[in-house]
Amino acid sequence: MVVLQHVVAPDGVAAGRGYSQVVTGRGQLVVVSGQVAQNEHGELVGPGDPAAQARQVFENLRRCLAQAGANFGDVVKLAFFVLDVADLPAVRAARDAVIDTARPPASTAVQVAALFAPGYLIEVEAWALVGELAEPEQILTAACWPQDPGVSG
């Protein structure tokens, strides 16, 4: 079991607003690539709806974390990339539905000019620490997004 220490306000640093400034722990590192609001078929979920997109993003993160034997309680860092910072309340609502808000992960939020394709409003990546990983074969052969039929390997 991994024990995480969350520090909301280190000495001389203002407290984070809904996030920890520092999270420490020991374990196996799990890094989840940025997830967007795609369903299992690679289709955009919630066009123009930041709340629907945020919910799908966190569902995708949940599935990816589970593949590595992790869950949101193991997440030490979230990075948010949004087209419009006005969408952050919707992102925070989706995040708060899945994390322990008394012990939130460290976080970064960045407004960007564009994401990988038109229509996507939000992308979130996660970093987690777990005591033991899932079987390596499962991690290497499983994908958290649909396989592009035009790409081999």
C-alpha atoms as a PDB file:
ATOM      1  CA  MET A   1       0.000   0.000   0.000  1.00  0.00           C
ATOM      2  CA  VAL A   2       1.226   3.457  -0.897  1.00  0.00           C
ATOM      3  CA  VAL A   3       0.950   6.197   1.707  1.00  0.00           C
ATOM      4  CA  LEU A   4       0.660   9.650   0.214  1.00  0.00           C
ATOM      5  CA  GLN A   5       1.331  12.868   2.078  1.00  0.00           C
ATOM      6  CA  HIS A   6      -0.620  15.897   0.812  1.00  0.00           C
ATOM      7  CA  VAL A   7       0.663  19.356   1.705  1.00  0.00           C
ATOM      8  CA  VAL A   8      -1.803  22.087   0.841  1.00  0.00           C
ATOM      9  CA  ALA A   9       0.340  24.965   2.101  1.00  0.00           C
ATOM     10  CA  PRO A  10       4.104  24.422   2.529  1.00  0.00           C
ATOM     11  CA  ASP A  11       5.890  26.966   4.733  1.00  0.00           C
ATOM     12  CA  GLY A  12       5.969  30.319   2.970  1.00  0.00           C
ATOM     13  CA  VAL A  13       3.615  29.246   0.129  1.00  0.00           C
ATOM     14  CA  ALA A  14      -0.056  30.181  -0.181  1.00  0.00           C
ATOM     15  CA  ALA A  15      -2.536  27.323   0.111  1.00  0.00           C
ATOM     16  CA  GLY A  16      -3.767  25.810  -3.118  1.00  0.00           C
ATOM     17  CA  ARG A  17      -7.390  26.505  -3.999  1.00  0.00           C
ATOM     18  CA  GLY A  18      -8.726  22.980  -4.240  1.00  0.00           C
ATOM     19  CA  TYR A  19      -5.393  21.292  -4.835  1.00  0.00           C
ATOM     20  CA  SER A  20      -2.288  20.282  -2.897  1.00  0.00           C
ATOM     21  CA  GLN A  21       0.929  22.206  -3.498  1.00  0.00           C
ATOM     22  CA  VAL A  22       2.986  19.049  -2.804  1.00  0.00           C
ATOM     23  CA  VAL A  23       2.201  15.327  -2.774  1.00  0.00           C
ATOM     24  CA  THR A  24       4.851  12.798  -1.772  1.00  0.00           C
ATOM     25  CA  GLY A  25       4.897   9.031  -1.527  1.00  0.00           C
ATOM     26  CA  ARG A  26       6.693   5.861  -2.559  1.00  0.00           C
ATOM     27  CA  GLY A  27       5.511   3.303  -5.061  1.00  0.00           C
ATOM     28  CA  GLN A  28       5.327   2.459  -8.739  1.00  0.00           C
ATOM     29  CA  LEU A  29       4.777   5.456 -10.984  1.00  0.00           C
ATOM     30  CA  VAL A  30       1.759   5.351 -13.307  1.00  0.00           C
ATOM     31  CA  VAL A  31       1.555   8.077 -15.947  1.00  0.00           C
ATOM     32  CA  VAL A  32      -1.649   8.404 -17.957  1.00  0.00           C
ATOM     33  CA  SER A  33      -1.452  10.292 -21.227  1.00  0.00           C
ATOM     34  CA  GLY A  34      -3.762  13.226 -21.713  1.00  0.00           C
ATOM     35  CA  GLN A  35      -7.336  12.031 -22.091  1.00  0.00           C
ATOM     36  CA  VAL A  36      -9.974  13.828 -24.123  1.00  0.00           C
ATOM     37  CA  ALA A  37     -13.731  13.364 -24.413  1.00  0.00           C
ATOM     38  CA  GLN A  38     -13.691  10.351 -26.706  1.00  0.00           C
ATOM     39  CA  ASN A  39     -15.830   7.281 -26.249  1.00  0.00           C
ATOM     40  CA  GLU A  40     -14.510   3.749 -26.811  1.00  0.00           C
ATOM     41  CA  HIS A  41     -15.079   4.189 -30.576  1.00  0.00           C
ATOM     42  CA  GLY A  42     -12.966   7.342 -30.790  1.00  0.00           C
ATOM     43  CA  GLU A  43     -15.980   9.611 -31.188  1.00  0.00           C
ATOM     44  CA  LEU A  44     -16.256  13.033 -29.557  1.00  0.00           C
ATOM     45  CA  VAL A  45     -18.588  13.058 -26.543  1.00  0.00           C
ATOM     46  CA  GLY A  46     -20.413  16.302 -25.662  1.00  0.00           C
ATOM     47  CA  PRO A  47     -19.646  18.665 -28.547  1.00  0.00           C
ATOM     48  CA  GLY A  48     -19.681  22.213 -27.164  1.00  0.00           C
ATOM     49  CA  ASP A  49     -20.529  20.979 -23.638  1.00  0.00           C
ATOM     50  CA  PRO A  50     -17.587  21.338 -21.222  1.00  0.00           C
ATOM     51  CA  ALA A  51     -19.393  19.492 -18.392  1.00  0.00           C
ATOM     52  CA  ALA A  52     -20.170  16.452 -20.586  1.00  0.00           C
ATOM     53  CA  GLN A  53     -16.634  16.453 -21.952  1.00  0.00           C
ATOM     54  CA  ALA A  54     -15.135  16.687 -18.459  1.00  0.00           C
ATOM     55  CA  ARG A  55     -17.217  13.727 -17.250  1.00  0.00           C
ATOM     56  CA  GLN A  56     -16.041  11.624 -20.219  1.00  0.00           C
ATOM     57  CA  VAL A  57     -12.421  12.666 -19.668  1.00  0.00           C
ATOM     58  CA  PHE A  58     -12.558  11.519 -16.038  1.00  0.00           C
ATOM     59  CA  GLU A  59     -14.241   8.258 -17.045  1.00  0.00           C
ATOM     60  CA  ASN A  60     -11.404   7.651 -19.517  1.00  0.00           C
ATOM     61  CA  LEU A  61      -8.855   8.464 -16.809  1.00  0.00           C
ATOM     62  CA  ARG A  62     -10.613   6.032 -14.450  1.00  0.00           C
ATOM     63  CA  ARG A  63     -10.379   3.259 -17.041  1.00  0.00           C
ATOM     64  CA  CYS A  64      -6.718   3.956 -17.776  1.00  0.00           C
ATOM     65  CA  LEU A  65      -5.810   4.080 -14.089  1.00  0.00           C
ATOM     66  CA  ALA A  66      -7.682   0.811 -13.475  1.00  0.00           C
ATOM     67  CA  GLN A  67      -5.686  -0.867 -16.253  1.00  0.00           C
ATOM     68  CA  ALA A  68      -2.542  -0.140 -14.235  1.00  0.00           C
ATOM     69  CA  GLY A  69      -4.077  -1.237 -10.938  1.00  0.00           C
ATOM     70  CA  ALA A  70      -4.641   2.350  -9.785  1.00  0.00           C
ATOM     71  CA  ASN A  71      -7.616   4.545  -8.916  1.00  0.00           C
ATOM     72  CA  PHE A  72      -8.196   8.227  -8.263  1.00  0.00           C
ATOM     73  CA  GLY A  73      -7.051   7.810  -4.655  1.00  0.00           C
ATOM     74  CA  ASP A  74      -3.580   7.020  -6.030  1.00  0.00           C
ATOM     75  CA  VAL A  75      -3.359  10.141  -8.216  1.00  0.00           C
ATOM     76  CA  VAL A  76      -0.661  12.582  -7.113  1.00  0.00           C
ATOM     77  CA  LYS A  77      -0.865  15.055 -10.011  1.00  0.00           C
ATOM     78  CA  LEU A  78      -3.430  16.172 -12.576  1.00  0.00           C
ATOM     79  CA  ALA A  79      -2.624  18.487 -15.475  1.00  0.00           C
ATOM     80  CA  PHE A  80      -5.538  20.256 -17.167  1.00  0.00           C
ATOM     81  CA  PHE A  81      -5.387  21.733 -20.646  1.00  0.00           C
ATOM     82  CA  VAL A  82      -8.452  23.788 -21.598  1.00  0.00           C
ATOM     83  CA  LEU A  83      -9.343  25.988 -24.530  1.00  0.00           C
ATOM     84  CA  ASP A  84     -11.087  28.422 -22.197  1.00  0.00           C
ATOM     85  CA  VAL A  85     -10.398  28.892 -18.483  1.00  0.00           C
ATOM     86  CA  ALA A  86     -14.113  29.655 -18.108  1.00  0.00           C
ATOM     87  CA  ASP A  87     -14.587  25.847 -18.451  1.00  0.00           C
ATOM     88  CA  LEU A  88     -12.563  25.132 -15.296  1.00  0.00           C
ATOM     89  CA  PRO A  89     -15.624  25.055 -12.976  1.00  0.00           C
ATOM     90  CA  ALA A  90     -17.072  22.211 -15.098  1.00  0.00           C
ATOM     91  CA  VAL A  91     -13.723  20.419 -14.985  1.00  0.00           C
ATOM     92  CA  ARG A  92     -13.479  20.904 -11.225  1.00  0.00           C
ATOM     93  CA  ALA A  93     -17.016  19.541 -10.715  1.00  0.00           C
ATOM     94  CA  ALA A  94     -16.139  16.385 -12.662  1.00  0.00           C
ATOM     95  CA  ARG A  95     -12.832  16.077 -10.796  1.00  0.00           C
ATOM     96  CA  ASP A  96     -14.449  16.589  -7.397  1.00  0.00           C
ATOM     97  CA  ALA A  97     -16.918  13.781  -8.138  1.00  0.00           C
ATOM     98  CA  VAL A  98     -14.022  11.277  -8.286  1.00  0.00           C
ATOM     99  CA  ILE A  99     -11.286  12.527  -5.934  1.00  0.00           C
ATOM    100  CA  ASP A 100     -11.059  12.963  -2.181  1.00  0.00           C
ATOM    101  CA  THR A 101     -11.487  16.736  -1.980  1.00  0.00           C
ATOM    102  CA  ALA A 102      -9.946  16.747   1.511  1.00  0.00           C
ATOM    103  CA  ARG A 103      -6.738  15.308   0.012  1.00  0.00           C
ATOM    104  CA  PRO A 104      -6.648  16.621  -3.565  1.00  0.00           C
ATOM    105  CA  PRO A 105      -3.771  15.869  -5.923  1.00  0.00           C
ATOM    106  CA  ALA A 106      -1.306  18.507  -7.036  1.00  0.00           C
ATOM    107  CA  SER A 107      -2.669  20.227 -10.130  1.00  0.00           C
ATOM    108  CA  THR A 108      -1.784  22.465 -13.032  1.00  0.00           C
ATOM    109  CA  ALA A 109      -4.273  24.194 -15.331  1.00  0.00           C
ATOM    110  CA  VAL A 110      -3.223  25.726 -18.634  1.00  0.00           C
ATOM    111  CA  GLN A 111      -5.272  27.519 -21.258  1.00  0.00           C
ATOM    112  CA  VAL A 112      -4.136  26.417 -24.722  1.00  0.00           C
ATOM    113  CA  ALA A 113      -4.850  27.673 -28.239  1.00  0.00           C
ATOM    114  CA  ALA A 114      -5.966  24.261 -29.502  1.00  0.00           C
ATOM    115  CA  LEU A 115      -6.090  20.564 -28.686  1.00  0.00           C
ATOM    116  CA  PHE A 116      -5.335  17.745 -31.117  1.00  0.00           C
ATOM    117  CA  ALA A 117      -8.594  18.041 -33.099  1.00  0.00           C
ATOM    118  CA  PRO A 118     -11.452  20.527 -33.441  1.00  0.00           C
ATOM    119  CA  GLY A 119     -14.352  20.148 -30.993  1.00  0.00           C
ATOM    120  CA  TYR A 120     -12.305  19.006 -28.001  1.00  0.00           C
ATOM    121  CA  LEU A 121     -12.405  21.509 -25.133  1.00  0.00           C
ATOM    122  CA  ILE A 122     -10.492  19.688 -22.367  1.00  0.00           C
ATOM    123  CA  GLU A 123      -7.553  17.329 -21.979  1.00  0.00           C
ATOM    124  CA  VAL A 124      -6.355  15.938 -18.649  1.00  0.00           C
ATOM    125  CA  GLU A 125      -3.317  13.822 -17.812  1.00  0.00           C
ATOM    126  CA  ALA A 126      -2.751  12.000 -14.534  1.00  0.00           C
ATOM    127  CA  TRP A 127       0.225  10.838 -12.505  1.00  0.00           C
ATOM    128  CA  ALA A 128      -0.305   8.208  -9.807  1.00  0.00           C
ATOM    129  CA  LEU A 129       1.685   6.059  -7.383  1.00  0.00           C
ATOM    130  CA  VAL A 130       0.640   2.481  -6.652  1.00  0.00           C
ATOM    131  CA  GLY A 131       2.106  -0.247  -4.479  1.00  0.00           C
ATOM    132  CA  GLU A 132       2.062  -2.915  -7.169  1.00  0.00           C
ATOM    133  CA  LEU A 133       1.247  -2.658 -10.834  1.00  0.00           C
ATOM    134  CA  ALA A 134      -1.109  -4.844 -12.809  1.00  0.00           C
ATOM    135  CA  GLU A 135       0.485  -7.706 -14.735  1.00  0.00           C
ATOM    136  CA  PRO A 136       2.973  -6.207 -17.248  1.00  0.00           C
ATOM    137  CA  GLU A 137       1.368  -8.133 -20.119  1.00  0.00           C
ATOM    138  CA  GLN A 138      -1.961  -6.397 -19.412  1.00  0.00           C
ATOM    139  CA  ILE A 139      -0.392  -2.969 -19.425  1.00  0.00           C
ATOM    140  CA  LEU A 140       1.573  -3.535 -22.618  1.00  0.00           C
ATOM    141  CA  THR A 141      -1.310  -5.001 -24.604  1.00  0.00           C
ATOM    142  CA  ALA A 142      -4.166  -2.801 -23.395  1.00  0.00           C
ATOM    143  CA  ALA A 143      -4.954   0.574 -24.861  1.00  0.00           C
ATOM    144  CA  CYS A 144      -6.918   3.391 -23.277  1.00  0.00           C
ATOM    145  CA  TRP A 145      -8.092   4.586 -26.673  1.00  0.00           C
ATOM    146  CA  PRO A 146      -9.388   2.814 -29.793  1.00  0.00           C
ATOM    147  CA  GLN A 147      -6.765   1.366 -32.092  1.00  0.00           C
ATOM    148  CA  ASP A 148      -6.521   3.256 -35.379  1.00  0.00           C
ATOM    149  CA  PRO A 149      -7.236   0.610 -38.049  1.00  0.00           C
ATOM    150  CA  GLY A 150      -4.762   2.336 -40.368  1.00  0.00           C
ATOM    151  CA  VAL A 151      -1.860   1.964 -37.926  1.00  0.00           C
ATOM    152  CA  SER A 152      -0.147  -1.315 -37.207  1.00  0.00           C
ATOM    153  CA  GLY A 153       1.639  -2.243 -34.041  1.00  0.00           C
END
